[in-house]
């Protein structure tokens, strides 16, 4: 049985980390000098590659899911290297 490859980019990890730090797609877009739809699409593409949700809606904001919290720990390490 063949394992499916999961492809994502360093840029997607960086965008994800910024959204996670600010818990806001709009604030992350401002920090990254990207449009909010572009940030949303990068996170959505990363979620599709990983096959899991990274953020959940909470009231008017967003929070990290358990998978998002775990990915953030790894992303911080990878992006620091």
N, C-alpha and C. Protein backbone atom coordinates (compact mmCIF):
# COMPACT_ATOMS: atom_id res chain seq x y z
N UNK A 1 0.84 -1.18 0.00
CA UNK A 1 0.00 0.00 0.00
C UNK A 1 0.89 1.24 0.00
N UNK A 2 0.57 2.19 -0.89
CA UNK A 2 1.36 3.40 -1.03
C UNK A 2 0.86 4.48 -0.08
N UNK A 3 1.79 5.18 0.58
CA UNK A 3 1.41 6.30 1.44
C UNK A 3 1.25 7.55 0.60
N UNK A 4 0.22 8.31 0.87
CA UNK A 4 -0.01 9.55 0.14
C UNK A 4 0.96 10.63 0.63
N UNK A 5 1.58 11.32 -0.32
CA UNK A 5 2.49 12.42 0.01
C UNK A 5 1.67 13.65 0.40
N UNK A 6 2.10 14.35 1.42
CA UNK A 6 1.43 15.57 1.85
C UNK A 6 2.39 16.73 1.58
N UNK A 7 2.03 17.56 0.62
CA UNK A 7 2.90 18.65 0.22
C UNK A 7 2.37 19.98 0.72
N UNK A 8 3.27 20.76 1.32
CA UNK A 8 2.94 22.13 1.70
C UNK A 8 4.25 22.91 1.65
N UNK A 9 4.12 24.23 1.68
CA UNK A 9 5.29 25.08 1.50
C UNK A 9 5.69 25.77 2.80
N UNK A 10 6.91 26.25 2.82
CA UNK A 10 7.39 27.04 3.95
C UNK A 10 6.56 28.31 4.06
N UNK A 11 6.17 28.87 2.93
CA UNK A 11 5.34 30.08 2.93
C UNK A 11 4.01 29.80 3.64
N UNK A 12 3.39 28.66 3.35
CA UNK A 12 2.13 28.30 4.00
C UNK A 12 2.32 28.16 5.50
N UNK A 13 3.44 27.56 5.92
CA UNK A 13 3.72 27.43 7.36
C UNK A 13 3.90 28.80 8.00
N UNK A 14 4.58 29.69 7.30
CA UNK A 14 4.81 31.03 7.82
C UNK A 14 3.50 31.80 7.95
N UNK A 15 2.63 31.69 6.95
CA UNK A 15 1.32 32.33 7.01
C UNK A 15 0.51 31.74 8.16
N UNK A 16 0.51 30.43 8.28
CA UNK A 16 -0.20 29.76 9.38
C UNK A 16 0.29 30.27 10.73
N UNK A 17 1.60 30.36 10.90
CA UNK A 17 2.17 30.81 12.18
C UNK A 17 1.73 32.23 12.50
N UNK A 18 1.70 33.09 11.50
CA UNK A 18 1.29 34.47 11.73
C UNK A 18 -0.18 34.56 12.11
N UNK A 19 -1.03 33.79 11.44
CA UNK A 19 -2.46 33.75 11.80
C UNK A 19 -2.59 33.23 13.24
N UNK A 20 -1.85 32.20 13.57
CA UNK A 20 -1.92 31.61 14.91
C UNK A 20 -1.44 32.60 15.98
N UNK A 21 -0.42 33.38 15.67
CA UNK A 21 0.09 34.35 16.64
C UNK A 21 -0.93 35.45 16.92
N UNK A 22 -1.65 35.88 15.88
CA UNK A 22 -2.59 36.98 16.01
C UNK A 22 -4.04 36.52 16.20
N UNK A 23 -4.28 35.22 15.96
CA UNK A 23 -5.63 34.67 15.98
C UNK A 23 -6.60 35.54 15.18
N UNK A 24 -6.09 35.96 14.01
CA UNK A 24 -6.89 36.81 13.12
C UNK A 24 -6.30 36.73 11.71
N UNK A 25 -7.15 36.38 10.75
CA UNK A 25 -6.71 36.38 9.35
C UNK A 25 -6.43 37.81 8.89
N UNK A 26 -7.24 38.75 9.33
CA UNK A 26 -7.09 40.15 8.90
C UNK A 26 -5.80 40.75 9.43
N UNK A 27 -5.51 40.56 10.72
CA UNK A 27 -4.27 41.10 11.29
C UNK A 27 -3.05 40.43 10.68
N UNK A 28 -3.15 39.11 10.44
CA UNK A 28 -2.04 38.40 9.79
C UNK A 28 -1.80 38.95 8.38
N UNK A 29 -2.88 39.23 7.67
CA UNK A 29 -2.75 39.79 6.32
C UNK A 29 -2.04 41.14 6.37
N UNK A 30 -2.39 41.97 7.34
CA UNK A 30 -1.74 43.27 7.49
C UNK A 30 -0.24 43.11 7.76
N UNK A 31 0.10 42.23 8.67
CA UNK A 31 1.50 41.99 9.03
C UNK A 31 2.30 41.46 7.84
N UNK A 32 1.67 40.58 7.06
CA UNK A 32 2.36 39.93 5.94
C UNK A 32 2.26 40.71 4.63
N UNK A 33 1.55 41.83 4.65
CA UNK A 33 1.33 42.63 3.43
C UNK A 33 0.68 41.80 2.33
N UNK A 34 -0.30 41.00 2.74
CA UNK A 34 -1.09 40.18 1.82
C UNK A 34 -2.55 40.56 1.99
N UNK A 35 -3.39 40.16 1.04
CA UNK A 35 -4.82 40.37 1.21
C UNK A 35 -5.36 39.30 2.16
N UNK A 36 -6.46 39.61 2.82
CA UNK A 36 -7.07 38.64 3.72
C UNK A 36 -7.49 37.38 2.97
N UNK A 37 -8.08 37.48 1.75
CA UNK A 37 -8.41 36.25 1.02
C UNK A 37 -7.17 35.41 0.68
N UNK A 38 -6.04 36.05 0.42
CA UNK A 38 -4.82 35.30 0.12
C UNK A 38 -4.35 34.53 1.35
N UNK A 39 -4.44 35.14 2.52
CA UNK A 39 -4.06 34.47 3.77
C UNK A 39 -4.99 33.30 4.02
N UNK A 40 -6.28 33.53 3.87
CA UNK A 40 -7.27 32.47 4.08
C UNK A 40 -6.99 31.30 3.14
N UNK A 41 -6.67 31.59 1.88
CA UNK A 41 -6.41 30.52 0.91
C UNK A 41 -5.16 29.73 1.26
N UNK A 42 -4.12 30.40 1.74
CA UNK A 42 -2.90 29.69 2.12
C UNK A 42 -3.17 28.72 3.27
N UNK A 43 -3.95 29.17 4.26
CA UNK A 43 -4.27 28.30 5.39
C UNK A 43 -5.17 27.15 4.92
N UNK A 44 -6.13 27.45 4.08
CA UNK A 44 -7.03 26.41 3.56
C UNK A 44 -6.25 25.35 2.78
N UNK A 45 -5.30 25.78 1.97
CA UNK A 45 -4.48 24.84 1.19
C UNK A 45 -3.64 23.97 2.12
N UNK A 46 -3.09 24.57 3.17
CA UNK A 46 -2.32 23.81 4.16
C UNK A 46 -3.22 22.79 4.86
N UNK A 47 -4.42 23.20 5.25
CA UNK A 47 -5.36 22.28 5.89
C UNK A 47 -5.70 21.11 4.97
N UNK A 48 -5.88 21.39 3.69
CA UNK A 48 -6.17 20.32 2.74
C UNK A 48 -4.99 19.37 2.60
N UNK A 49 -3.79 19.91 2.55
CA UNK A 49 -2.59 19.06 2.43
C UNK A 49 -2.44 18.15 3.65
N UNK A 50 -2.78 18.67 4.82
CA UNK A 50 -2.63 17.90 6.06
C UNK A 50 -3.87 17.07 6.39
N UNK A 51 -4.98 17.39 5.75
CA UNK A 51 -6.21 16.64 5.99
C UNK A 51 -6.84 16.90 7.35
N UNK A 52 -6.66 18.12 7.87
CA UNK A 52 -7.22 18.46 9.17
C UNK A 52 -7.46 19.95 9.29
N UNK A 53 -8.40 20.32 10.15
CA UNK A 53 -8.66 21.74 10.42
C UNK A 53 -7.63 22.24 11.42
N UNK A 54 -7.13 23.45 11.18
CA UNK A 54 -6.12 24.04 12.06
C UNK A 54 -6.72 25.12 12.96
N UNK A 55 -7.83 25.71 12.52
CA UNK A 55 -8.51 26.75 13.29
C UNK A 55 -9.99 26.43 13.38
N UNK A 56 -10.61 26.89 14.46
CA UNK A 56 -12.05 26.75 14.63
C UNK A 56 -12.59 28.13 15.00
N UNK A 57 -13.82 28.39 14.61
CA UNK A 57 -14.47 29.66 14.97
C UNK A 57 -14.82 29.62 16.45
N UNK A 58 -14.65 30.76 17.09
CA UNK A 58 -15.01 30.91 18.50
C UNK A 58 -15.62 32.29 18.68
N UNK A 59 -16.92 32.33 18.76
CA UNK A 59 -17.58 33.64 18.83
C UNK A 59 -17.32 34.39 17.54
N UNK A 60 -16.72 35.57 17.66
CA UNK A 60 -16.40 36.37 16.48
C UNK A 60 -14.96 36.14 16.04
N UNK A 61 -14.20 35.32 16.76
CA UNK A 61 -12.80 35.11 16.43
C UNK A 61 -12.50 33.67 16.05
N UNK A 62 -11.23 33.33 16.09
CA UNK A 62 -10.80 31.97 15.80
C UNK A 62 -9.87 31.49 16.91
N UNK A 63 -9.79 30.19 17.06
CA UNK A 63 -8.87 29.55 18.01
C UNK A 63 -8.19 28.39 17.28
N UNK A 64 -7.04 28.01 17.78
CA UNK A 64 -6.35 26.84 17.23
C UNK A 64 -7.07 25.56 17.67
N UNK A 65 -7.17 24.62 16.76
CA UNK A 65 -7.65 23.29 17.12
C UNK A 65 -6.47 22.56 17.77
N UNK A 66 -6.69 21.40 18.38
CA UNK A 66 -5.55 20.63 18.91
C UNK A 66 -4.50 20.34 17.82
N UNK A 67 -4.95 20.03 16.62
CA UNK A 67 -3.99 19.78 15.52
C UNK A 67 -3.24 21.07 15.18
N UNK A 68 -3.93 22.20 15.23
CA UNK A 68 -3.28 23.48 14.97
C UNK A 68 -2.25 23.81 16.02
N UNK A 69 -2.55 23.52 17.28
CA UNK A 69 -1.59 23.75 18.36
C UNK A 69 -0.34 22.91 18.16
N UNK A 70 -0.53 21.65 17.77
CA UNK A 70 0.62 20.77 17.54
C UNK A 70 1.43 21.25 16.34
N UNK A 71 0.75 21.62 15.27
CA UNK A 71 1.48 22.10 14.10
C UNK A 71 2.24 23.38 14.42
N UNK A 72 1.65 24.26 15.22
CA UNK A 72 2.33 25.50 15.57
C UNK A 72 3.66 25.22 16.28
N UNK A 73 3.67 24.26 17.19
CA UNK A 73 4.92 23.91 17.88
C UNK A 73 5.99 23.47 16.87
N UNK A 74 5.60 22.63 15.94
CA UNK A 74 6.55 22.15 14.92
C UNK A 74 6.94 23.25 13.96
N UNK A 75 5.98 24.08 13.56
CA UNK A 75 6.26 25.16 12.62
C UNK A 75 7.25 26.15 13.23
N UNK A 76 7.08 26.45 14.51
CA UNK A 76 8.01 27.36 15.19
C UNK A 76 9.44 26.81 15.11
N UNK A 77 9.59 25.53 15.36
CA UNK A 77 10.91 24.90 15.30
C UNK A 77 11.47 24.94 13.89
N UNK A 78 10.66 24.55 12.92
CA UNK A 78 11.12 24.51 11.52
C UNK A 78 11.47 25.89 11.01
N UNK A 79 10.65 26.87 11.30
CA UNK A 79 10.89 28.20 10.79
C UNK A 79 12.04 28.91 11.48
N UNK A 80 12.42 28.41 12.65
CA UNK A 80 13.55 28.97 13.38
C UNK A 80 14.88 28.47 12.78
N UNK A 81 14.84 27.29 12.19
CA UNK A 81 16.07 26.69 11.64
C UNK A 81 16.61 27.44 10.45
